[in-house]
Amino acid sequence: MRKEDFVFHSHKDYVFIDSDNLFVCQRLKQVDPSYRVVFNLKKQKYEVHSVEQVGGSYCFTLPYPCLDERAVEFALKTRRENSDKIIAEIDKYNENLYNQMLKQEVNKFKEALC
């Protein structure tokens, strides 16, 4: 998608956000100059799109109800360079969850035997 093709401001389901009180849009552009923020009216969520991304501009949906510092932190955390770290965090979380579930099942089994 070329920069001149990025026309969310004219799409009925999106509101193009070019500036905000906390300068989140500008700070997101410091993370990646191609980032643009839109508000998805159907989903009632903020999304970040890239005007330089091939195959579609969508990058991610912000999991927060408003634009604030968390949006910048989320953008930094989800960068491609951090994918190994994110996968390791997910694996550790899943391992902990599995261990908790295993302990619960063992406890249920012990209670059933007694």
PDB file of N, CA and C in Angstrom:
ATOM      1  N   MET A   1       0.847  -1.178   0.000  1.00  0.00           N
ATOM      2  CA  MET A   1       0.000   0.000   0.000  1.00  0.00           C
ATOM      3  C   MET A   1       0.891   1.239   0.000  1.00  0.00           C
ATOM      4  N   ARG A   2       0.612   2.118  -0.889  1.00  0.00           N
ATOM      5  CA  ARG A   2       1.370   3.369  -0.946  1.00  0.00           C
ATOM      6  C   ARG A   2       0.783   4.358   0.043  1.00  0.00           C
ATOM      7  N   LYS A   3       1.613   5.300   0.479  1.00  0.00           N
ATOM      8  CA  LYS A   3       1.140   6.294   1.450  1.00  0.00           C
ATOM      9  C   LYS A   3      -0.082   7.035   0.942  1.00  0.00           C
ATOM     10  N   GLU A   4      -0.094   7.339  -0.326  1.00  0.00           N
ATOM     11  CA  GLU A   4      -1.227   8.100  -0.862  1.00  0.00           C
ATOM     12  C   GLU A   4      -2.510   7.266  -0.940  1.00  0.00           C
ATOM     13  N   ASP A   5      -2.386   5.929  -0.818  1.00  0.00           N
ATOM     14  CA  ASP A   5      -3.561   5.057  -0.825  1.00  0.00           C
ATOM     15  C   ASP A   5      -4.215   4.947   0.545  1.00  0.00           C
ATOM     16  N   PHE A   6      -3.556   5.438   1.561  1.00  0.00           N
ATOM     17  CA  PHE A   6      -4.071   5.308   2.922  1.00  0.00           C
ATOM     18  C   PHE A   6      -5.140   6.379   3.140  1.00  0.00           C
ATOM     19  N   VAL A   7      -6.392   5.975   3.021  1.00  0.00           N
ATOM     20  CA  VAL A   7      -7.486   6.953   3.072  1.00  0.00           C
ATOM     21  C   VAL A   7      -8.570   6.518   4.060  1.00  0.00           C
ATOM     22  N   PHE A   8      -8.179   6.095   5.249  1.00  0.00           N
ATOM     23  CA  PHE A   8      -9.168   5.688   6.231  1.00  0.00           C
ATOM     24  C   PHE A   8     -10.096   6.825   6.610  1.00  0.00           C
ATOM     25  N   HIS A   9      -9.625   8.049   6.516  1.00  0.00           N
ATOM     26  CA  HIS A   9     -10.469   9.168   6.904  1.00  0.00           C
ATOM     27  C   HIS A   9     -11.725   9.257   6.055  1.00  0.00           C
ATOM     28  N   SER A  10     -11.745   8.571   4.905  1.00  0.00           N
ATOM     29  CA  SER A  10     -12.938   8.608   4.067  1.00  0.00           C
ATOM     30  C   SER A  10     -13.724   7.295   4.121  1.00  0.00           C
ATOM     31  N   HIS A  11     -13.267   6.333   4.881  1.00  0.00           N
ATOM     32  CA  HIS A  11     -13.961   5.058   5.006  1.00  0.00           C
ATOM     33  C   HIS A  11     -15.018   5.170   6.094  1.00  0.00           C
ATOM     34  N   LYS A  12     -16.214   4.657   5.827  1.00  0.00           N
ATOM     35  CA  LYS A  12     -17.331   4.842   6.756  1.00  0.00           C
ATOM     36  C   LYS A  12     -17.172   4.101   8.088  1.00  0.00           C
ATOM     37  N   ASP A  13     -16.355   3.051   8.125  1.00  0.00           N
ATOM     38  CA  ASP A  13     -16.200   2.275   9.358  1.00  0.00           C
ATOM     39  C   ASP A  13     -15.015   2.716  10.206  1.00  0.00           C
ATOM     40  N   TYR A  14     -14.252   3.687   9.741  1.00  0.00           N
ATOM     41  CA  TYR A  14     -13.044   4.111  10.445  1.00  0.00           C
ATOM     42  C   TYR A  14     -12.980   5.623  10.595  1.00  0.00           C
ATOM     43  N   VAL A  15     -12.427   6.049  11.708  1.00  0.00           N
ATOM     44  CA  VAL A  15     -12.130   7.468  11.911  1.00  0.00           C
ATOM     45  C   VAL A  15     -10.611   7.572  12.000  1.00  0.00           C
ATOM     46  N   PHE A  16     -10.032   8.323  11.108  1.00  0.00           N
ATOM     47  CA  PHE A  16      -8.594   8.521  11.087  1.00  0.00           C
ATOM     48  C   PHE A  16      -8.206   9.465  12.225  1.00  0.00           C
ATOM     49  N   ILE A  17      -7.283   9.031  13.069  1.00  0.00           N
ATOM     50  CA  ILE A  17      -6.832   9.838  14.207  1.00  0.00           C
ATOM     51  C   ILE A  17      -5.435  10.348  13.882  1.00  0.00           C
ATOM     52  N   ASP A  18      -5.322  11.630  13.657  1.00  0.00           N
ATOM     53  CA  ASP A  18      -4.031  12.204  13.276  1.00  0.00           C
ATOM     54  C   ASP A  18      -3.309  12.833  14.460  1.00  0.00           C
ATOM     55  N   SER A  19      -4.071  13.245  15.468  1.00  0.00           N
ATOM     56  CA  SER A  19      -3.449  13.854  16.647  1.00  0.00           C
ATOM     57  C   SER A  19      -4.335  13.604  17.863  1.00  0.00           C
ATOM     58  N   ASP A  20      -3.719  13.729  19.034  1.00  0.00           N
ATOM     59  CA  ASP A  20      -4.456  13.517  20.280  1.00  0.00           C
ATOM     60  C   ASP A  20      -3.777  14.320  21.375  1.00  0.00           C
ATOM     61  N   ASN A  21      -4.443  14.450  22.492  1.00  0.00           N
ATOM     62  CA  ASN A  21      -3.941  15.281  23.600  1.00  0.00           C
ATOM     63  C   ASN A  21      -2.638  14.790  24.206  1.00  0.00           C
ATOM     64  N   LEU A  22      -2.420  13.488  24.193  1.00  0.00           N
ATOM     65  CA  LEU A  22      -1.215  12.919  24.809  1.00  0.00           C
ATOM     66  C   LEU A  22      -0.104  12.646  23.794  1.00  0.00           C
ATOM     67  N   PHE A  23      -0.309  13.054  22.555  1.00  0.00           N
ATOM     68  CA  PHE A  23       0.676  12.893  21.479  1.00  0.00           C
ATOM     69  C   PHE A  23       1.016  11.433  21.205  1.00  0.00           C
ATOM     70  N   VAL A  24       0.047  10.547  21.436  1.00  0.00           N
ATOM     71  CA  VAL A  24       0.270   9.121  21.206  1.00  0.00           C
ATOM     72  C   VAL A  24       0.504   8.849  19.727  1.00  0.00           C
ATOM     73  N   CYS A  25      -0.269   9.479  18.864  1.00  0.00           N
ATOM     74  CA  CYS A  25      -0.089   9.267  17.423  1.00  0.00           C
ATOM     75  C   CYS A  25       1.327   9.626  16.983  1.00  0.00           C
ATOM     76  N   GLN A  26       1.816  10.743  17.454  1.00  0.00           N
ATOM     77  CA  GLN A  26       3.167  11.167  17.097  1.00  0.00           C
ATOM     78  C   GLN A  26       4.206  10.220  17.694  1.00  0.00           C
ATOM     79  N   ARG A  27       3.975   9.757  18.907  1.00  0.00           N
ATOM     80  CA  ARG A  27       4.924   8.851  19.557  1.00  0.00           C
ATOM     81  C   ARG A  27       4.921   7.479  18.887  1.00  0.00           C
ATOM     82  N   LEU A  28       3.763   7.052  18.384  1.00  0.00           N
ATOM     83  CA  LEU A  28       3.718   5.803  17.633  1.00  0.00           C
ATOM     84  C   LEU A  28       4.512   5.928  16.335  1.00  0.00           C
ATOM     85  N   LYS A  29       4.476   7.101  15.730  1.00  0.00           N
ATOM     86  CA  LYS A  29       5.270   7.325  14.511  1.00  0.00           C
ATOM     87  C   LYS A  29       6.764   7.311  14.808  1.00  0.00           C
ATOM     88  N   GLN A  30       7.147   7.559  16.059  1.00  0.00           N
ATOM     89  CA  GLN A  30       8.555   7.428  16.431  1.00  0.00           C
ATOM     90  C   GLN A  30       8.945   5.949  16.528  1.00  0.00           C
ATOM     91  N   VAL A  31       7.999   5.111  16.909  1.00  0.00           N
ATOM     92  CA  VAL A  31       8.248   3.670  16.936  1.00  0.00           C
ATOM     93  C   VAL A  31       8.397   3.166  15.498  1.00  0.00           C
ATOM     94  N   ASP A  32       7.484   3.589  14.637  1.00  0.00           N
ATOM     95  CA  ASP A  32       7.525   3.233  13.213  1.00  0.00           C
ATOM     96  C   ASP A  32       6.875   4.374  12.437  1.00  0.00           C
ATOM     97  N   PRO A  33       7.635   5.051  11.585  1.00  0.00           N
ATOM     98  CA  PRO A  33       7.100   6.201  10.849  1.00  0.00           C
ATOM     99  C   PRO A  33       5.888   5.880   9.964  1.00  0.00           C
ATOM    100  N   SER A  34       5.679   4.606   9.660  1.00  0.00           N
ATOM    101  CA  SER A  34       4.554   4.238   8.791  1.00  0.00           C
ATOM    102  C   SER A  34       3.254   4.016   9.559  1.00  0.00           C
ATOM    103  N   TYR A  35       3.310   4.006  10.901  1.00  0.00           N
ATOM    104  CA  TYR A  35       2.112   3.748  11.704  1.00  0.00           C
ATOM    105  C   TYR A  35       1.107   4.888  11.597  1.00  0.00           C
ATOM    106  N   ARG A  36      -0.169   4.490  11.514  1.00  0.00           N
ATOM    107  CA  ARG A  36      -1.289   5.418  11.545  1.00  0.00           C
ATOM    108  C   ARG A  36      -2.344   4.839  12.476  1.00  0.00           C
ATOM    109  N   VAL A  37      -3.017   5.692  13.217  1.00  0.00           N
ATOM    110  CA  VAL A  37      -4.047   5.252  14.167  1.00  0.00           C
ATOM    111  C   VAL A  37      -5.418   5.540  13.582  1.00  0.00           C
ATOM    112  N   VAL A  38      -6.286   4.539  13.692  1.00  0.00           N
ATOM    113  CA  VAL A  38      -7.683   4.711  13.290  1.00  0.00           C
ATOM    114  C   VAL A  38      -8.558   4.182  14.411  1.00  0.00           C
ATOM    115  N   PHE A  39      -9.768   4.687  14.473  1.00  0.00           N
ATOM    116  CA  PHE A  39     -10.761   4.148  15.398  1.00  0.00           C
ATOM    117  C   PHE A  39     -11.759   3.372  14.568  1.00  0.00           C
ATOM    118  N   ASN A  40     -11.896   2.078  14.864  1.00  0.00           N
ATOM    119  CA  ASN A  40     -12.824   1.220  14.157  1.00  0.00           C
ATOM    120  C   ASN A  40     -14.201   1.394  14.788  1.00  0.00           C
ATOM    121  N   LEU A  41     -15.121   1.981  14.053  1.00  0.00           N
ATOM    122  CA  LEU A  41     -16.450   2.277  14.591  1.00  0.00           C
ATOM    123  C   LEU A  41     -17.271   1.019  14.862  1.00  0.00           C
ATOM    124  N   LYS A  42     -17.106  -0.004  14.044  1.00  0.00           N
ATOM    125  CA  LYS A  42     -17.857  -1.246  14.257  1.00  0.00           C
ATOM    126  C   LYS A  42     -17.398  -1.960  15.516  1.00  0.00           C
ATOM    127  N   LYS A  43     -16.089  -2.044  15.700  1.00  0.00           N
ATOM    128  CA  LYS A  43     -15.531  -2.762  16.852  1.00  0.00           C
ATOM    129  C   LYS A  43     -15.376  -1.878  18.081  1.00  0.00           C
ATOM    130  N   GLN A  44     -15.476  -0.555  17.874  1.00  0.00           N
ATOM    131  CA  GLN A  44     -15.279   0.403  18.961  1.00  0.00           C
ATOM    132  C   GLN A  44     -13.900   0.221  19.600  1.00  0.00           C
ATOM    133  N   LYS A  45     -12.888   0.075  18.742  1.00  0.00           N
ATOM    134  CA  LYS A  45     -11.514  -0.138  19.194  1.00  0.00           C
ATOM    135  C   LYS A  45     -10.559   0.699  18.342  1.00  0.00           C
ATOM    136  N   TYR A  46      -9.424   1.048  18.965  1.00  0.00           N
ATOM    137  CA  TYR A  46      -8.357   1.712  18.223  1.00  0.00           C
ATOM    138  C   TYR A  46      -7.508   0.653  17.532  1.00  0.00           C
ATOM    139  N   GLU A  47      -7.116   0.953  16.294  1.00  0.00           N
ATOM    140  CA  GLU A  47      -6.254   0.063  15.536  1.00  0.00           C
ATOM    141  C   GLU A  47      -5.047   0.847  15.044  1.00  0.00           C
ATOM    142  N   VAL A  48      -3.953   0.130  14.859  1.00  0.00           N
ATOM    143  CA  VAL A  48      -2.767   0.728  14.264  1.00  0.00           C
ATOM    144  C   VAL A  48      -2.554   0.060  12.912  1.00  0.00           C
ATOM    145  N   HIS A  49      -2.368   0.886  11.905  1.00  0.00           N
ATOM    146  CA  HIS A  49      -2.136   0.429  10.538  1.00  0.00           C
ATOM    147  C   HIS A  49      -0.805   0.990  10.064  1.00  0.00           C
ATOM    148  N   SER A  50      -0.236   0.323   9.074  1.00  0.00           N
ATOM    149  CA  SER A  50       1.017   0.783   8.487  1.00  0.00           C
ATOM    150  C   SER A  50       0.789   1.095   7.019  1.00  0.00           C
ATOM    151  N   VAL A  51       1.191   2.270   6.617  1.00  0.00           N
ATOM    152  CA  VAL A  51       1.008   2.664   5.220  1.00  0.00           C
ATOM    153  C   VAL A  51       2.013   1.970   4.311  1.00  0.00           C
ATOM    154  N   GLU A  52       3.006   1.310   4.878  1.00  0.00           N
ATOM    155  CA  GLU A  52       4.029   0.646   4.065  1.00  0.00           C
ATOM    156  C   GLU A  52       3.939  -0.870   4.092  1.00  0.00           C
ATOM    157  N   GLN A  53       2.969  -1.407   4.814  1.00  0.00           N
ATOM    158  CA  GLN A  53       2.851  -2.852   4.933  1.00  0.00           C
ATOM    159  C   GLN A  53       2.269  -3.450   3.660  1.00  0.00           C
ATOM    160  N   VAL A  54       2.886  -4.507   3.178  1.00  0.00           N
ATOM    161  CA  VAL A  54       2.439  -5.181   1.964  1.00  0.00           C
ATOM    162  C   VAL A  54       1.285  -6.120   2.290  1.00  0.00           C
ATOM    163  N   GLY A  55       0.264  -6.131   1.457  1.00  0.00           N
ATOM    164  CA  GLY A  55      -0.847  -7.060   1.627  1.00  0.00           C
ATOM    165  C   GLY A  55      -1.951  -6.571   2.537  1.00  0.00           C
ATOM    166  N   GLY A  56      -1.928  -5.346   2.937  1.00  0.00           N
ATOM    167  CA  GLY A  56      -2.935  -4.778   3.835  1.00  0.00           C
ATOM    168  C   GLY A  56      -2.261  -3.938   4.891  1.00  0.00           C
ATOM    169  N   SER A  57      -2.947  -2.935   5.371  1.00  0.00           N
ATOM    170  CA  SER A  57      -2.315  -1.980   6.282  1.00  0.00           C
ATOM    171  C   SER A  57      -2.457  -2.351   7.758  1.00  0.00           C
ATOM    172  N   TYR A  58      -3.379  -3.265   8.103  1.00  0.00           N
ATOM    173  CA  TYR A  58      -3.653  -3.582   9.505  1.00  0.00           C
ATOM    174  C   TYR A  58      -2.424  -4.171  10.190  1.00  0.00           C
ATOM    175  N   CYS A  59      -2.086  -3.639  11.368  1.00  0.00           N
ATOM    176  CA  CYS A  59      -0.988  -4.182  12.187  1.00  0.00           C
ATOM    177  C   CYS A  59      -1.520  -4.820  13.454  1.00  0.00           C
ATOM    178  N   PHE A  60      -2.250  -4.053  14.267  1.00  0.00           N
ATOM    179  CA  PHE A  60      -2.776  -4.598  15.511  1.00  0.00           C
ATOM    180  C   PHE A  60      -3.888  -3.714  16.054  1.00  0.00           C
ATOM    181  N   THR A  61      -4.700  -4.323  16.920  1.00  0.00           N
ATOM    182  CA  THR A  61      -5.749  -3.614  17.640  1.00  0.00           C
ATOM    183  C   THR A  61      -5.233  -3.336  19.040  1.00  0.00           C
ATOM    184  N   LEU A  62      -5.405  -2.123  19.486  1.00  0.00           N
ATOM    185  CA  LEU A  62      -4.975  -1.778  20.841  1.00  0.00           C
ATOM    186  C   LEU A  62      -5.967  -2.365  21.844  1.00  0.00           C
ATOM    187  N   PRO A  63      -5.464  -3.048  22.882  1.00  0.00           N
ATOM    188  CA  PRO A  63      -6.368  -3.676  23.843  1.00  0.00           C
ATOM    189  C   PRO A  63      -6.836  -2.728  24.948  1.00  0.00           C
ATOM    190  N   TYR A  64      -6.775  -1.444  24.680  1.00  0.00           N
ATOM    191  CA  TYR A  64      -7.133  -0.435  25.691  1.00  0.00           C
ATOM    192  C   TYR A  64      -8.248   0.458  25.139  1.00  0.00           C
ATOM    193  N   PRO A  65      -9.110   0.965  26.011  1.00  0.00           N
ATOM    194  CA  PRO A  65     -10.254   1.765  25.546  1.00  0.00           C
ATOM    195  C   PRO A  65      -9.899   3.198  25.147  1.00  0.00           C
ATOM    196  N   CYS A  66      -8.665   3.615  25.436  1.00  0.00           N
ATOM    197  CA  CYS A  66      -8.288   4.985  25.093  1.00  0.00           C
ATOM    198  C   CYS A  66      -6.830   5.021  24.644  1.00  0.00           C
ATOM    199  N   LEU A  67      -6.462   6.113  23.993  1.00  0.00           N
ATOM    200  CA  LEU A  67      -5.078   6.291  23.560  1.00  0.00           C
ATOM    201  C   LEU A  67      -4.279   6.895  24.703  1.00  0.00           C
ATOM    202  N   ASP A  68      -3.298   6.142  25.194  1.00  0.00           N
ATOM    203  CA  ASP A  68      -2.422   6.642  26.247  1.00  0.00           C
ATOM    204  C   ASP A  68      -1.067   5.948  26.136  1.00  0.00           C
ATOM    205  N   GLU A  69      -0.240   6.095  27.155  1.00  0.00           N
ATOM    206  CA  GLU A  69       1.123   5.540  27.140  1.00  0.00           C
ATOM    207  C   GLU A  69       1.142   4.045  26.861  1.00  0.00           C
ATOM    208  N   ARG A  70       0.111   3.340  27.293  1.00  0.00           N
ATOM    209  CA  ARG A  70       0.053   1.897  27.085  1.00  0.00           C
ATOM    210  C   ARG A  70       0.083   1.530  25.605  1.00  0.00           C
ATOM    211  N   ALA A  71      -0.484   2.393  24.759  1.00  0.00           N
ATOM    212  CA  ALA A  71      -0.479   2.136  23.319  1.00  0.00           C
ATOM    213  C   ALA A  71       0.942   2.122  22.775  1.00  0.00           C
ATOM    214  N   VAL A  72       1.760   3.050  23.224  1.00  0.00           N
ATOM    215  CA  VAL A  72       3.158   3.113  22.780  1.00  0.00           C
ATOM    216  C   VAL A  72       3.917   1.897  23.303  1.00  0.00           C
ATOM    217  N   GLU A  73       3.705   1.555  24.569  1.00  0.00           N
ATOM    218  CA  GLU A  73       4.356   0.381  25.155  1.00  0.00           C
ATOM    219  C   GLU A  73       3.953  -0.890  24.415  1.00  0.00           C
ATOM    220  N   PHE A  74       2.674  -1.003  24.064  1.00  0.00           N
ATOM    221  CA  PHE A  74       2.173  -2.169  23.340  1.00  0.00           C
ATOM    222  C   PHE A  74       2.818  -2.250  21.961  1.00  0.00           C
ATOM    223  N   ALA A  75       2.921  -1.116  21.290  1.00  0.00           N
ATOM    224  CA  ALA A  75       3.550  -1.082  19.957  1.00  0.00           C
ATOM    225  C   ALA A  75       5.013  -1.512  20.039  1.00  0.00           C
ATOM    226  N   LEU A  76       5.713  -1.046  21.049  1.00  0.00           N
ATOM    227  CA  LEU A  76       7.118  -1.427  21.214  1.00  0.00           C
ATOM    228  C   LEU A  76       7.247  -2.921  21.528  1.00  0.00           C
ATOM    229  N   LYS A  77       6.381  -3.407  22.378  1.00  0.00           N
ATOM    230  CA  LYS A  77       6.451  -4.807  22.791  1.00  0.00           C
ATOM    231  C   LYS A  77       6.152  -5.752  21.635  1.00  0.00           C
ATOM    232  N   THR A  78       5.237  -5.379  20.766  1.00  0.00           N
ATOM    233  CA  THR A  78       4.798  -6.270  19.691  1.00  0.00           C
ATOM    234  C   THR A  78       5.604  -6.130  18.405  1.00  0.00           C
ATOM    235  N   ARG A  79       6.685  -5.399  18.446  1.00  0.00           N
ATOM    236  CA  ARG A  79       7.536  -5.255  17.251  1.00  0.00           C
ATOM    237  C   ARG A  79       8.104  -6.609  16.846  1.00  0.00           C
ATOM    238  N   ARG A  80       8.313  -6.783  15.569  1.00  0.00           N
ATOM    239  CA  ARG A  80       8.839  -8.027  15.026  1.00  0.00           C
ATOM    240  C   ARG A  80      10.147  -8.443  15.704  1.00  0.00           C
ATOM    241  N   GLU A  81      10.981  -7.479  16.041  1.00  0.00           N
ATOM    242  CA  GLU A  81      12.270  -7.768  16.671  1.00  0.00           C
ATOM    243  C   GLU A  81      12.094  -8.471  18.022  1.00  0.00           C
ATOM    244  N   ASN A  82      10.931  -8.295  18.642  1.00  0.00           N
ATOM    245  CA  ASN A  82      10.678  -8.855  19.965  1.00  0.00           C
ATOM    246  C   ASN A  82       9.911 -10.176  19.919  1.00  0.00           C
ATOM    247  N   SER A  83       9.741 -10.747  18.751  1.00  0.00           N
ATOM    248  CA  SER A  83       8.898 -11.936  18.623  1.00  0.00           C
ATOM    249  C   SER A  83       9.426 -13.110  19.441  1.00  0.00           C
ATOM    250  N   ASP A  84      10.749 -13.311  19.479  1.00  0.00           N
ATOM    251  CA  ASP A  84      11.296 -14.423  20.269  1.00  0.00           C
ATOM    252  C   ASP A  84      10.972 -14.255  21.750  1.00  0.00           C
ATOM    253  N   LYS A  85      11.081 -13.033  22.241  1.00  0.00           N
ATOM    254  CA  LYS A  85      10.791 -12.754  23.649  1.00  0.00           C
ATOM    255  C   LYS A  85       9.304 -12.986  23.948  1.00  0.00           C
ATOM    256  N   ILE A  86       8.453 -12.551  23.050  1.00  0.00           N
ATOM    257  CA  ILE A  86       7.007 -12.718  23.236  1.00  0.00           C
ATOM    258  C   ILE A  86       6.649 -14.205  23.238  1.00  0.00           C
ATOM    259  N   ILE A  87       7.224 -14.957  22.324  1.00  0.00           N
ATOM    260  CA  ILE A  87       6.950 -16.399  22.254  1.00  0.00           C
ATOM    261  C   ILE A  87       7.433 -17.085  23.531  1.00  0.00           C
ATOM    262  N   ALA A  88       8.595 -16.678  24.039  1.00  0.00           N
ATOM    263  CA  ALA A  88       9.107 -17.252  25.292  1.00  0.00           C
ATOM    264  C   ALA A  88       8.165 -16.934  26.451  1.00  0.00           C
ATOM    265  N   GLU A  89       7.626 -15.700  26.506  1.00  0.00           N
ATOM    266  CA  GLU A  89       6.674 -15.328  27.557  1.00  0.00           C
ATOM    267  C   GLU A  89       5.414 -16.180  27.469  1.00  0.00           C
ATOM    268  N   ILE A  90       4.926 -16.397  26.254  1.00  0.00           N
ATOM    269  CA  ILE A  90       3.720 -17.207  26.055  1.00  0.00           C
ATOM    270  C   ILE A  90       3.985 -18.640  26.481  1.00  0.00           C
ATOM    271  N   ASP A  91       5.140 -19.178  26.080  1.00  0.00           N
ATOM    272  CA  ASP A  91       5.487 -20.546  26.462  1.00  0.00           C
ATOM    273  C   ASP A  91       5.581 -20.699  27.979  1.00  0.00           C
ATOM    274  N   LYS A  92       6.197 -19.732  28.644  1.00  0.00           N
ATOM    275  CA  LYS A  92       6.327 -19.793  30.111  1.00  0.00           C
ATOM    276  C   LYS A  92       4.945 -19.713  30.773  1.00  0.00           C
ATOM    277  N   TYR A  93       4.104 -18.820  30.281  1.00  0.00           N
ATOM    278  CA  TYR A  93       2.747 -18.691  30.816  1.00  0.00           C
ATOM    279  C   TYR A  93       1.988 -20.011  30.644  1.00  0.00           C
ATOM    280  N   ASN A  94       2.077 -20.591  29.455  1.00  0.00           N
ATOM    281  CA  ASN A  94       1.375 -21.851  29.192  1.00  0.00           C
ATOM    282  C   ASN A  94       1.906 -22.986  30.060  1.00  0.00           C
ATOM    283  N   GLU A  95       3.214 -23.010  30.276  1.00  0.00           N
ATOM    284  CA  GLU A  95       3.804 -24.033  31.143  1.00  0.00           C
ATOM    285  C   GLU A  95       3.304 -23.887  32.580  1.00  0.00           C
ATOM    286  N   ASN A  96       3.265 -22.650  33.079  1.00  0.00           N
ATOM    287  CA  ASN A  96       2.748 -22.401  34.430  1.00  0.00           C
ATOM    288  C   ASN A  96       1.285 -22.804  34.540  1.00  0.00           C
ATOM    289  N   LEU A  97       0.512 -22.465  33.527  1.00  0.00           N
ATOM    290  CA  LEU A  97      -0.903 -22.824  33.507  1.00  0.00           C
ATOM    291  C   LEU A  97      -1.075 -24.341  33.501  1.00  0.00           C
ATOM    292  N   TYR A  98      -0.285 -25.020  32.700  1.00  0.00           N
ATOM    293  CA  TYR A  98      -0.336 -26.488  32.655  1.00  0.00           C
ATOM    294  C   TYR A  98       0.001 -27.085  34.017  1.00  0.00           C
ATOM    295  N   ASN A  99       1.055 -26.567  34.649  1.00  0.00           N
ATOM    296  CA  ASN A  99       1.464 -27.077  35.963  1.00  0.00           C
ATOM    297  C   ASN A  99       0.385 -26.854  37.017  1.00  0.00           C
ATOM    298  N   GLN A 100      -0.277 -25.698  36.971  1.00  0.00           N
ATOM    299  CA  GLN A 100      -1.374 -25.430  37.909  1.00  0.00           C
ATOM    300  C   GLN A 100      -2.525 -26.418  37.694  1.00  0.00           C
ATOM    301  N   MET A 101      -2.874 -26.635  36.434  1.00  0.00           N
ATOM    302  CA  MET A 101      -3.963 -27.563  36.122  1.00  0.00           C
ATOM    303  C   MET A 101      -3.594 -28.978  36.545  1.00  0.00           C
ATOM    304  N   LEU A 102      -2.335 -29.350  36.345  1.00  0.00           N
ATOM    305  CA  LEU A 102      -1.876 -30.677  36.740  1.00  0.00           C
ATOM    306  C   LEU A 102      -1.970 -30.860  38.254  1.00  0.00           C
ATOM    307  N   LYS A 103      -1.547 -29.846  39.005  1.00  0.00           N
ATOM    308  CA  LYS A 103      -1.643 -29.897  40.467  1.00  0.00           C
ATOM    309  C   LYS A 103      -3.097 -30.040  40.911  1.00  0.00           C
ATOM    310  N   GLN A 104      -3.997 -29.296  40.268  1.00  0.00           N
ATOM    311  CA  GLN A 104      -5.417 -29.387  40.623  1.00  0.00           C
ATOM    312  C   GLN A 104      -5.953 -30.790  40.372  1.00  0.00           C
ATOM    313  N   GLU A 105      -5.563 -31.388  39.263  1.00  0.00           N
ATOM    314  CA  GLU A 105      -6.035 -32.738  38.946  1.00  0.00           C
ATOM    315  C   GLU A 105      -5.475 -33.755  39.926  1.00  0.00           C
ATOM    316  N   VAL A 106      -4.196 -33.597  40.296  1.00  0.00           N
ATOM    317  CA  VAL A 106      -3.590 -34.499  41.279  1.00  0.00           C
ATOM    318  C   VAL A 106      -4.318 -34.371  42.617  1.00  0.00           C
ATOM    319  N   ASN A 107      -4.616 -33.136  43.026  1.00  0.00           N
ATOM    320  CA  ASN A 107      -5.340 -32.920  44.284  1.00  0.00           C
ATOM    321  C   ASN A 107      -6.741 -33.545  44.233  1.00  0.00           C
ATOM    322  N   LYS A 108      -7.415 -33.419  43.119  1.00  0.00           N
ATOM    323  CA  LYS A 108      -8.747 -34.041  42.970  1.00  0.00           C
ATOM    324  C   LYS A 108      -8.640 -35.554  43.073  1.00  0.00           C
ATOM    325  N   PHE A 109      -7.598 -36.090  42.463  1.00  0.00           N
ATOM    326  CA  PHE A 109      -7.402 -37.539  42.497  1.00  0.00           C
ATOM    327  C   PHE A 109      -7.114 -38.014  43.922  1.00  0.00           C
ATOM    328  N   LYS A 110      -6.284 -37.271  44.640  1.00  0.00           N
ATOM    329  CA  LYS A 110      -5.962 -37.600  46.037  1.00  0.00           C
ATOM    330  C   LYS A 110      -7.222 -37.557  46.896  1.00  0.00           C
ATOM    331  N   GLU A 111      -8.054 -36.520  46.697  1.00  0.00           N
ATOM    332  CA  GLU A 111      -9.288 -36.398  47.475  1.00  0.00           C
ATOM    333  C   GLU A 111     -10.233 -37.563  47.172  1.00  0.00           C
ATOM    334  N   ALA A 112     -10.243 -38.014  45.922  1.00  0.00           N
ATOM    335  CA  ALA A 112     -11.124 -39.112  45.542  1.00  0.00           C
ATOM    336  C   ALA A 112     -10.678 -40.417  46.174  1.00  0.00           C
ATOM    337  N   LEU A 113      -9.387 -40.575  46.401  1.00  0.00           N
ATOM    338  CA  LEU A 113      -8.852 -41.798  47.012  1.00  0.00           C
ATOM    339  C   LEU A 113      -9.065 -41.850  48.511  1.00  0.00           C
ATOM    340  N   CYS A 114      -9.143 -40.703  49.133  1.00  0.00           N
ATOM    341  CA  CYS A 114      -9.246 -40.665  50.616  1.00  0.00           C
ATOM    342  C   CYS A 114     -10.663 -40.793  51.097  1.00  0.00           C
TER     343      CYS A 114
END
